[in-house]
Amino acid sequence: MRILYFSWIKDGIGKSQEDIDLTGNIKNIADLINFLSEINNDYNKVFSDLSSIRFSKNMNLVNIEENIKNEDEIAFFPPMTGG
């Protein structure tokens, strides 16, 4: 799975993307966030307030309960504004 990070999320984690192999217990975005939060304190801090993070799967906005699989591309980014 490819994971993309944007804006302050990218800055907090220190990378713009990474590739991981999902384990059997990661079924949705919430599970993925829990997994990432256990990697180190940087991930834990970034994901501590999910109200300020949006998610996409394969370039489509989704909610935190969206099912995911290894072939997906997941992105984390702050809320967008129009203009």
PDB file of N, CA and C in Angstrom:
ATOM      1  N   MET A   1       0.832  -1.164   0.000  1.00  0.00           N
ATOM      2  CA  MET A   1       0.000   0.000   0.000  1.00  0.00           C
ATOM      3  C   MET A   1       0.886   1.239   0.000  1.00  0.00           C
ATOM      4  N   ARG A   2       0.508   2.189  -0.825  1.00  0.00           N
ATOM      5  CA  ARG A   2       1.199   3.481  -0.813  1.00  0.00           C
ATOM      6  C   ARG A   2       0.404   4.439   0.053  1.00  0.00           C
ATOM      7  N   ILE A   3       1.117   5.136   0.949  1.00  0.00           N
ATOM      8  CA  ILE A   3       0.502   6.130   1.819  1.00  0.00           C
ATOM      9  C   ILE A   3       1.150   7.473   1.507  1.00  0.00           C
ATOM     10  N   LEU A   4       0.310   8.482   1.277  1.00  0.00           N
ATOM     11  CA  LEU A   4       0.770   9.831   0.980  1.00  0.00           C
ATOM     12  C   LEU A   4       0.403  10.758   2.125  1.00  0.00           C
ATOM     13  N   TYR A   5       1.327  11.665   2.461  1.00  0.00           N
ATOM     14  CA  TYR A   5       1.110  12.642   3.528  1.00  0.00           C
ATOM     15  C   TYR A   5       1.291  14.041   2.947  1.00  0.00           C
ATOM     16  N   PHE A   6       0.399  14.968   3.322  1.00  0.00           N
ATOM     17  CA  PHE A   6       0.452  16.320   2.793  1.00  0.00           C
ATOM     18  C   PHE A   6       0.484  17.354   3.919  1.00  0.00           C
ATOM     19  N   SER A   7       1.029  18.523   3.583  1.00  0.00           N
ATOM     20  CA  SER A   7       1.027  19.713   4.436  1.00  0.00           C
ATOM     21  C   SER A   7       1.686  19.437   5.793  1.00  0.00           C
ATOM     22  N   TRP A   8       1.057  19.889   6.879  1.00  0.00           N
ATOM     23  CA  TRP A   8       1.640  19.741   8.219  1.00  0.00           C
ATOM     24  C   TRP A   8       1.744  18.276   8.639  1.00  0.00           C
ATOM     25  N   ILE A   9       0.953  17.405   8.038  1.00  0.00           N
ATOM     26  CA  ILE A   9       1.046  15.969   8.340  1.00  0.00           C
ATOM     27  C   ILE A   9       2.387  15.446   7.828  1.00  0.00           C
ATOM     28  N   LYS A  10       2.725  15.816   6.606  1.00  0.00           N
ATOM     29  CA  LYS A  10       4.024  15.452   6.018  1.00  0.00           C
ATOM     30  C   LYS A  10       5.161  16.003   6.875  1.00  0.00           C
ATOM     31  N   ASP A  11       5.041  17.254   7.287  1.00  0.00           N
ATOM     32  CA  ASP A  11       6.092  17.873   8.105  1.00  0.00           C
ATOM     33  C   ASP A  11       6.238  17.160   9.449  1.00  0.00           C
ATOM     34  N   GLY A  12       5.124  16.796  10.063  1.00  0.00           N
ATOM     35  CA  GLY A  12       5.171  16.139  11.372  1.00  0.00           C
ATOM     36  C   GLY A  12       5.761  14.746  11.333  1.00  0.00           C
ATOM     37  N   ILE A  13       5.494  14.023  10.243  1.00  0.00           N
ATOM     38  CA  ILE A  13       6.014  12.657  10.114  1.00  0.00           C
ATOM     39  C   ILE A  13       7.420  12.656   9.528  1.00  0.00           C
ATOM     40  N   GLY A  14       7.713  13.667   8.717  1.00  0.00           N
ATOM     41  CA  GLY A  14       9.052  13.774   8.141  1.00  0.00           C
ATOM     42  C   GLY A  14       9.211  13.069   6.809  1.00  0.00           C
ATOM     43  N   LYS A  15       8.086  12.754   6.159  1.00  0.00           N
ATOM     44  CA  LYS A  15       8.146  12.144   4.829  1.00  0.00           C
ATOM     45  C   LYS A  15       6.844  12.409   4.102  1.00  0.00           C
ATOM     46  N   SER A  16       6.923  12.401   2.781  1.00  0.00           N
ATOM     47  CA  SER A  16       5.733  12.675   1.986  1.00  0.00           C
ATOM     48  C   SER A  16       4.993  11.408   1.572  1.00  0.00           C
ATOM     49  N   GLN A  17       5.678  10.271   1.639  1.00  0.00           N
ATOM     50  CA  GLN A  17       5.020   9.014   1.286  1.00  0.00           C
ATOM     51  C   GLN A  17       5.813   7.835   1.823  1.00  0.00           C
ATOM     52  N   GLU A  18       5.136   6.707   1.873  1.00  0.00           N
ATOM     53  CA  GLU A  18       5.800   5.455   2.228  1.00  0.00           C
ATOM     54  C   GLU A  18       4.954   4.300   1.712  1.00  0.00           C
ATOM     55  N   ASP A  19       5.591   3.164   1.550  1.00  0.00           N
ATOM     56  CA  ASP A  19       4.915   1.943   1.124  1.00  0.00           C
ATOM     57  C   ASP A  19       4.970   0.947   2.272  1.00  0.00           C
ATOM     58  N   ILE A  20       3.820   0.336   2.569  1.00  0.00           N
ATOM     59  CA  ILE A  20       3.775  -0.690   3.607  1.00  0.00           C
ATOM     60  C   ILE A  20       2.977  -1.880   3.094  1.00  0.00           C
ATOM     61  N   ASP A  21       3.172  -3.023   3.725  1.00  0.00           N
ATOM     62  CA  ASP A  21       2.349  -4.199   3.484  1.00  0.00           C
ATOM     63  C   ASP A  21       1.380  -4.317   4.646  1.00  0.00           C
ATOM     64  N   LEU A  22       0.101  -4.376   4.333  1.00  0.00           N
ATOM     65  CA  LEU A  22      -0.906  -4.473   5.382  1.00  0.00           C
ATOM     66  C   LEU A  22      -0.853  -5.832   6.063  1.00  0.00           C
ATOM     67  N   THR A  23      -1.022  -5.819   7.358  1.00  0.00           N
ATOM     68  CA  THR A  23      -1.165  -7.071   8.097  1.00  0.00           C
ATOM     69  C   THR A  23      -2.648  -7.425   8.135  1.00  0.00           C
ATOM     70  N   GLY A  24      -2.959  -8.628   8.529  1.00  0.00           N
ATOM     71  CA  GLY A  24      -4.325  -9.113   8.522  1.00  0.00           C
ATOM     72  C   GLY A  24      -5.285  -8.351   9.404  1.00  0.00           C
ATOM     73  N   ASN A  25      -4.772  -7.659  10.421  1.00  0.00           N
ATOM     74  CA  ASN A  25      -5.676  -6.966  11.336  1.00  0.00           C
ATOM     75  C   ASN A  25      -5.969  -5.524  10.919  1.00  0.00           C
ATOM     76  N   ILE A  26      -5.430  -5.061   9.812  1.00  0.00           N
ATOM     77  CA  ILE A  26      -5.720  -3.711   9.312  1.00  0.00           C
ATOM     78  C   ILE A  26      -6.767  -3.842   8.210  1.00  0.00           C
ATOM     79  N   LYS A  27      -7.996  -3.482   8.560  1.00  0.00           N
ATOM     80  CA  LYS A  27      -9.117  -3.643   7.632  1.00  0.00           C
ATOM     81  C   LYS A  27      -9.632  -2.321   7.072  1.00  0.00           C
ATOM     82  N   ASN A  28      -9.433  -1.225   7.825  1.00  0.00           N
ATOM     83  CA  ASN A  28      -9.963   0.067   7.384  1.00  0.00           C
ATOM     84  C   ASN A  28      -8.988   1.183   7.759  1.00  0.00           C
ATOM     85  N   ILE A  29      -9.349   2.407   7.435  1.00  0.00           N
ATOM     86  CA  ILE A  29      -8.450   3.532   7.695  1.00  0.00           C
ATOM     87  C   ILE A  29      -8.219   3.722   9.185  1.00  0.00           C
ATOM     88  N   ALA A  30      -9.221   3.500  10.001  1.00  0.00           N
ATOM     89  CA  ALA A  30      -9.045   3.613  11.453  1.00  0.00           C
ATOM     90  C   ALA A  30      -7.979   2.635  11.947  1.00  0.00           C
ATOM     91  N   ASP A  31      -8.024   1.399  11.459  1.00  0.00           N
ATOM     92  CA  ASP A  31      -7.002   0.408  11.824  1.00  0.00           C
ATOM     93  C   ASP A  31      -5.623   0.847  11.354  1.00  0.00           C
ATOM     94  N   LEU A  32      -5.555   1.419  10.145  1.00  0.00           N
ATOM     95  CA  LEU A  32      -4.280   1.891   9.609  1.00  0.00           C
ATOM     96  C   LEU A  32      -3.709   3.008  10.480  1.00  0.00           C
ATOM     97  N   ILE A  33      -4.550   3.937  10.909  1.00  0.00           N
ATOM     98  CA  ILE A  33      -4.096   5.023  11.773  1.00  0.00           C
ATOM     99  C   ILE A  33      -3.578   4.472  13.094  1.00  0.00           C
ATOM    100  N   ASN A  34      -4.280   3.514  13.671  1.00  0.00           N
ATOM    101  CA  ASN A  34      -3.807   2.894  14.919  1.00  0.00           C
ATOM    102  C   ASN A  34      -2.454   2.232  14.722  1.00  0.00           C
ATOM    103  N   PHE A  35      -2.283   1.530  13.607  1.00  0.00           N
ATOM    104  CA  PHE A  35      -1.006   0.889  13.290  1.00  0.00           C
ATOM    105  C   PHE A  35       0.106   1.928  13.147  1.00  0.00           C
ATOM    106  N   LEU A  36      -0.157   2.974  12.373  1.00  0.00           N
ATOM    107  CA  LEU A  36       0.860   4.011  12.161  1.00  0.00           C
ATOM    108  C   LEU A  36       1.200   4.733  13.455  1.00  0.00           C
ATOM    109  N   SER A  37       0.213   4.964  14.292  1.00  0.00           N
ATOM    110  CA  SER A  37       0.436   5.680  15.556  1.00  0.00           C
ATOM    111  C   SER A  37       1.368   4.932  16.494  1.00  0.00           C
ATOM    112  N   GLU A  38       1.496   3.633  16.306  1.00  0.00           N
ATOM    113  CA  GLU A  38       2.381   2.829  17.149  1.00  0.00           C
ATOM    114  C   GLU A  38       3.820   2.799  16.643  1.00  0.00           C
ATOM    115  N   ILE A  39       4.074   3.348  15.447  1.00  0.00           N
ATOM    116  CA  ILE A  39       5.434   3.314  14.884  1.00  0.00           C
ATOM    117  C   ILE A  39       6.386   4.159  15.722  1.00  0.00           C
ATOM    118  N   ASN A  40       5.990   5.413  15.962  1.00  0.00           N
ATOM    119  CA  ASN A  40       6.804   6.280  16.820  1.00  0.00           C
ATOM    120  C   ASN A  40       5.980   7.486  17.254  1.00  0.00           C
ATOM    121  N   ASN A  41       6.552   8.334  18.067  1.00  0.00           N
ATOM    122  CA  ASN A  41       5.845   9.480  18.633  1.00  0.00           C
ATOM    123  C   ASN A  41       5.434  10.497  17.574  1.00  0.00           C
ATOM    124  N   ASP A  42       6.196  10.613  16.478  1.00  0.00           N
ATOM    125  CA  ASP A  42       5.836  11.567  15.421  1.00  0.00           C
ATOM    126  C   ASP A  42       4.476  11.220  14.828  1.00  0.00           C
ATOM    127  N   TYR A  43       4.271   9.953  14.480  1.00  0.00           N
ATOM    128  CA  TYR A  43       2.966   9.517  13.949  1.00  0.00           C
ATOM    129  C   TYR A  43       1.886   9.717  15.005  1.00  0.00           C
ATOM    130  N   ASN A  44       2.192   9.343  16.228  1.00  0.00           N
ATOM    131  CA  ASN A  44       1.222   9.449  17.307  1.00  0.00           C
ATOM    132  C   ASN A  44       0.751  10.894  17.474  1.00  0.00           C
ATOM    133  N   LYS A  45       1.667  11.856  17.428  1.00  0.00           N
ATOM    134  CA  LYS A  45       1.301  13.263  17.557  1.00  0.00           C
ATOM    135  C   LYS A  45       0.444  13.728  16.387  1.00  0.00           C
ATOM    136  N   VAL A  46       0.849  13.363  15.178  1.00  0.00           N
ATOM    137  CA  VAL A  46       0.104  13.791  13.985  1.00  0.00           C
ATOM    138  C   VAL A  46      -1.328  13.273  14.017  1.00  0.00           C
ATOM    139  N   PHE A  47      -1.508  12.032  14.430  1.00  0.00           N
ATOM    140  CA  PHE A  47      -2.834  11.420  14.406  1.00  0.00           C
ATOM    141  C   PHE A  47      -3.598  11.574  15.724  1.00  0.00           C
ATOM    142  N   SER A  48      -3.138  12.436  16.613  1.00  0.00           N
ATOM    143  CA  SER A  48      -3.803  12.596  17.908  1.00  0.00           C
ATOM    144  C   SER A  48      -5.130  13.353  17.793  1.00  0.00           C
ATOM    145  N   ASP A  49      -5.295  14.187  16.782  1.00  0.00           N
ATOM    146  CA  ASP A  49      -6.544  14.929  16.580  1.00  0.00           C
ATOM    147  C   ASP A  49      -7.051  14.679  15.170  1.00  0.00           C
ATOM    148  N   LEU A  50      -7.871  13.668  15.024  1.00  0.00           N
ATOM    149  CA  LEU A  50      -8.353  13.274  13.702  1.00  0.00           C
ATOM    150  C   LEU A  50      -9.383  14.239  13.123  1.00  0.00           C
ATOM    151  N   SER A  51      -9.884  15.161  13.932  1.00  0.00           N
ATOM    152  CA  SER A  51     -10.851  16.128  13.413  1.00  0.00           C
ATOM    153  C   SER A  51     -10.216  17.082  12.404  1.00  0.00           C
ATOM    154  N   SER A  52      -8.894  17.162  12.403  1.00  0.00           N
ATOM    155  CA  SER A  52      -8.203  18.063  11.480  1.00  0.00           C
ATOM    156  C   SER A  52      -7.508  17.316  10.338  1.00  0.00           C
ATOM    157  N   ILE A  53      -7.917  16.067  10.100  1.00  0.00           N
ATOM    158  CA  ILE A  53      -7.318  15.259   9.034  1.00  0.00           C
ATOM    159  C   ILE A  53      -8.420  14.681   8.160  1.00  0.00           C
ATOM    160  N   ARG A  54      -8.215  14.738   6.854  1.00  0.00           N
ATOM    161  CA  ARG A  54      -9.110  14.113   5.882  1.00  0.00           C
ATOM    162  C   ARG A  54      -8.387  12.928   5.260  1.00  0.00           C
ATOM    163  N   PHE A  55      -9.170  12.023   4.667  1.00  0.00           N
ATOM    164  CA  PHE A  55      -8.617  10.779   4.121  1.00  0.00           C
ATOM    165  C   PHE A  55      -9.112  10.578   2.691  1.00  0.00           C
ATOM    166  N   SER A  56      -8.254  10.016   1.867  1.00  0.00           N
ATOM    167  CA  SER A  56      -8.707   9.584   0.551  1.00  0.00           C
ATOM    168  C   SER A  56      -8.176   8.182   0.273  1.00  0.00           C
ATOM    169  N   LYS A  57      -8.958   7.466  -0.514  1.00  0.00           N
ATOM    170  CA  LYS A  57      -8.561   6.136  -0.990  1.00  0.00           C
ATOM    171  C   LYS A  57      -8.641   6.192  -2.501  1.00  0.00           C
ATOM    172  N   ASN A  58      -7.512   5.955  -3.136  1.00  0.00           N
ATOM    173  CA  ASN A  58      -7.454   5.979  -4.598  1.00  0.00           C
ATOM    174  C   ASN A  58      -8.049   7.278  -5.163  1.00  0.00           C
ATOM    175  N   MET A  59      -7.674   8.399  -4.527  1.00  0.00           N
ATOM    176  CA  MET A  59      -8.029   9.760  -4.931  1.00  0.00           C
ATOM    177  C   MET A  59      -9.510  10.095  -4.759  1.00  0.00           C
ATOM    178  N   ASN A  60     -10.213   9.363  -3.908  1.00  0.00           N
ATOM    179  CA  ASN A  60     -11.607   9.669  -3.580  1.00  0.00           C
ATOM    180  C   ASN A  60     -11.720   9.905  -2.083  1.00  0.00           C
ATOM    181  N   LEU A  61     -12.391  10.997  -1.685  1.00  0.00           N
ATOM    182  CA  LEU A  61     -12.584  11.264  -0.265  1.00  0.00           C
ATOM    183  C   LEU A  61     -13.405  10.145   0.363  1.00  0.00           C
ATOM    184  N   VAL A  62     -12.962   9.699   1.537  1.00  0.00           N
ATOM    185  CA  VAL A  62     -13.636   8.602   2.242  1.00  0.00           C
ATOM    186  C   VAL A  62     -13.670   8.915   3.734  1.00  0.00           C
ATOM    187  N   ASN A  63     -14.439   8.111   4.472  1.00  0.00           N
ATOM    188  CA  ASN A  63     -14.465   8.280   5.925  1.00  0.00           C
ATOM    189  C   ASN A  63     -13.514   7.279   6.578  1.00  0.00           C
ATOM    190  N   ILE A  64     -13.367   7.412   7.868  1.00  0.00           N
ATOM    191  CA  ILE A  64     -12.378   6.634   8.617  1.00  0.00           C
ATOM    192  C   ILE A  64     -12.699   5.132   8.649  1.00  0.00           C
ATOM    193  N   GLU A  65     -13.951   4.769   8.399  1.00  0.00           N
ATOM    194  CA  GLU A  65     -14.346   3.354   8.415  1.00  0.00           C
ATOM    195  C   GLU A  65     -14.222   2.680   7.050  1.00  0.00           C
ATOM    196  N   GLU A  66     -13.709   3.407   6.059  1.00  0.00           N
ATOM    197  CA  GLU A  66     -13.565   2.858   4.702  1.00  0.00           C
ATOM    198  C   GLU A  66     -12.634   1.644   4.713  1.00  0.00           C
ATOM    199  N   ASN A  67     -13.091   0.555   4.108  1.00  0.00           N
ATOM    200  CA  ASN A  67     -12.261  -0.644   3.987  1.00  0.00           C
ATOM    201  C   ASN A  67     -11.105  -0.384   3.035  1.00  0.00           C
ATOM    202  N   ILE A  68      -9.956  -0.986   3.339  1.00  0.00           N
ATOM    203  CA  ILE A  68      -8.765  -0.801   2.511  1.00  0.00           C
ATOM    204  C   ILE A  68      -8.106  -2.147   2.247  1.00  0.00           C
ATOM    205  N   LYS A  69      -7.267  -2.165   1.199  1.00  0.00           N
ATOM    206  CA  LYS A  69      -6.481  -3.360   0.874  1.00  0.00           C
ATOM    207  C   LYS A  69      -5.110  -2.937   0.368  1.00  0.00           C
ATOM    208  N   ASN A  70      -4.208  -3.872   0.244  1.00  0.00           N
ATOM    209  CA  ASN A  70      -2.820  -3.584  -0.108  1.00  0.00           C
ATOM    210  C   ASN A  70      -2.665  -2.806  -1.415  1.00  0.00           C
ATOM    211  N   GLU A  71      -3.561  -2.966  -2.345  1.00  0.00           N
ATOM    212  CA  GLU A  71      -3.439  -2.325  -3.656  1.00  0.00           C
ATOM    213  C   GLU A  71      -3.871  -0.866  -3.644  1.00  0.00           C
ATOM    214  N   ASP A  72      -4.404  -0.388  -2.535  1.00  0.00           N
ATOM    215  CA  ASP A  72      -4.925   0.976  -2.466  1.00  0.00           C
ATOM    216  C   ASP A  72      -3.832   2.009  -2.215  1.00  0.00           C
ATOM    217  N   GLU A  73      -4.148   3.242  -2.600  1.00  0.00           N
ATOM    218  CA  GLU A  73      -3.326   4.396  -2.247  1.00  0.00           C
ATOM    219  C   GLU A  73      -4.153   5.226  -1.266  1.00  0.00           C
ATOM    220  N   ILE A  74      -3.604   5.454  -0.090  1.00  0.00           N
ATOM    221  CA  ILE A  74      -4.279   6.209   0.958  1.00  0.00           C
ATOM    222  C   ILE A  74      -3.544   7.530   1.149  1.00  0.00           C
ATOM    223  N   ALA A  75      -4.300   8.615   1.249  1.00  0.00           N
ATOM    224  CA  ALA A  75      -3.690   9.921   1.488  1.00  0.00           C
ATOM    225  C   ALA A  75      -4.299  10.548   2.740  1.00  0.00           C
ATOM    226  N   PHE A  76      -3.451  11.236   3.481  1.00  0.00           N
ATOM    227  CA  PHE A  76      -3.848  11.997   4.669  1.00  0.00           C
ATOM    228  C   PHE A  76      -3.515  13.458   4.418  1.00  0.00           C
ATOM    229  N   PHE A  77      -4.495  14.345   4.656  1.00  0.00           N
ATOM    230  CA  PHE A  77      -4.286  15.760   4.375  1.00  0.00           C
ATOM    231  C   PHE A  77      -5.220  16.591   5.255  1.00  0.00           C
ATOM    232  N   PRO A  78      -4.897  17.880   5.442  1.00  0.00           N
ATOM    233  CA  PRO A  78      -5.780  18.743   6.221  1.00  0.00           C
ATOM    234  C   PRO A  78      -7.023  19.096   5.407  1.00  0.00           C
ATOM    235  N   PRO A  79      -8.063  19.607   6.063  1.00  0.00           N
ATOM    236  CA  PRO A  79      -9.271  20.029   5.331  1.00  0.00           C
ATOM    237  C   PRO A  79      -8.927  21.036   4.243  1.00  0.00           C
ATOM    238  N   MET A  80      -9.646  20.955   3.159  1.00  0.00           N
ATOM    239  CA  MET A  80      -9.421  21.853   2.022  1.00  0.00           C
ATOM    240  C   MET A  80     -10.444  22.975   2.054  1.00  0.00           C
ATOM    241  N   THR A  81     -10.061  24.097   1.503  1.00  0.00           N
ATOM    242  CA  THR A  81     -11.002  25.206   1.368  1.00  0.00           C
ATOM    243  C   THR A  81     -11.085  25.605  -0.097  1.00  0.00           C
ATOM    244  N   GLY A  82     -12.196  26.131  -0.484  1.00  0.00           N
ATOM    245  CA  GLY A  82     -12.363  26.593  -1.857  1.00  0.00           C
ATOM    246  C   GLY A  82     -11.913  28.034  -1.991  1.00  0.00           C
ATOM    247  N   GLY A  83     -11.848  28.482  -3.217  1.00  0.00           N
ATOM    248  CA  GLY A  83     -11.468  29.868  -3.378  1.00  0.00           C
ATOM    249  C   GLY A  83     -11.398  30.310  -4.785  1.00  0.00           C
TER     250      GLY A  83
END
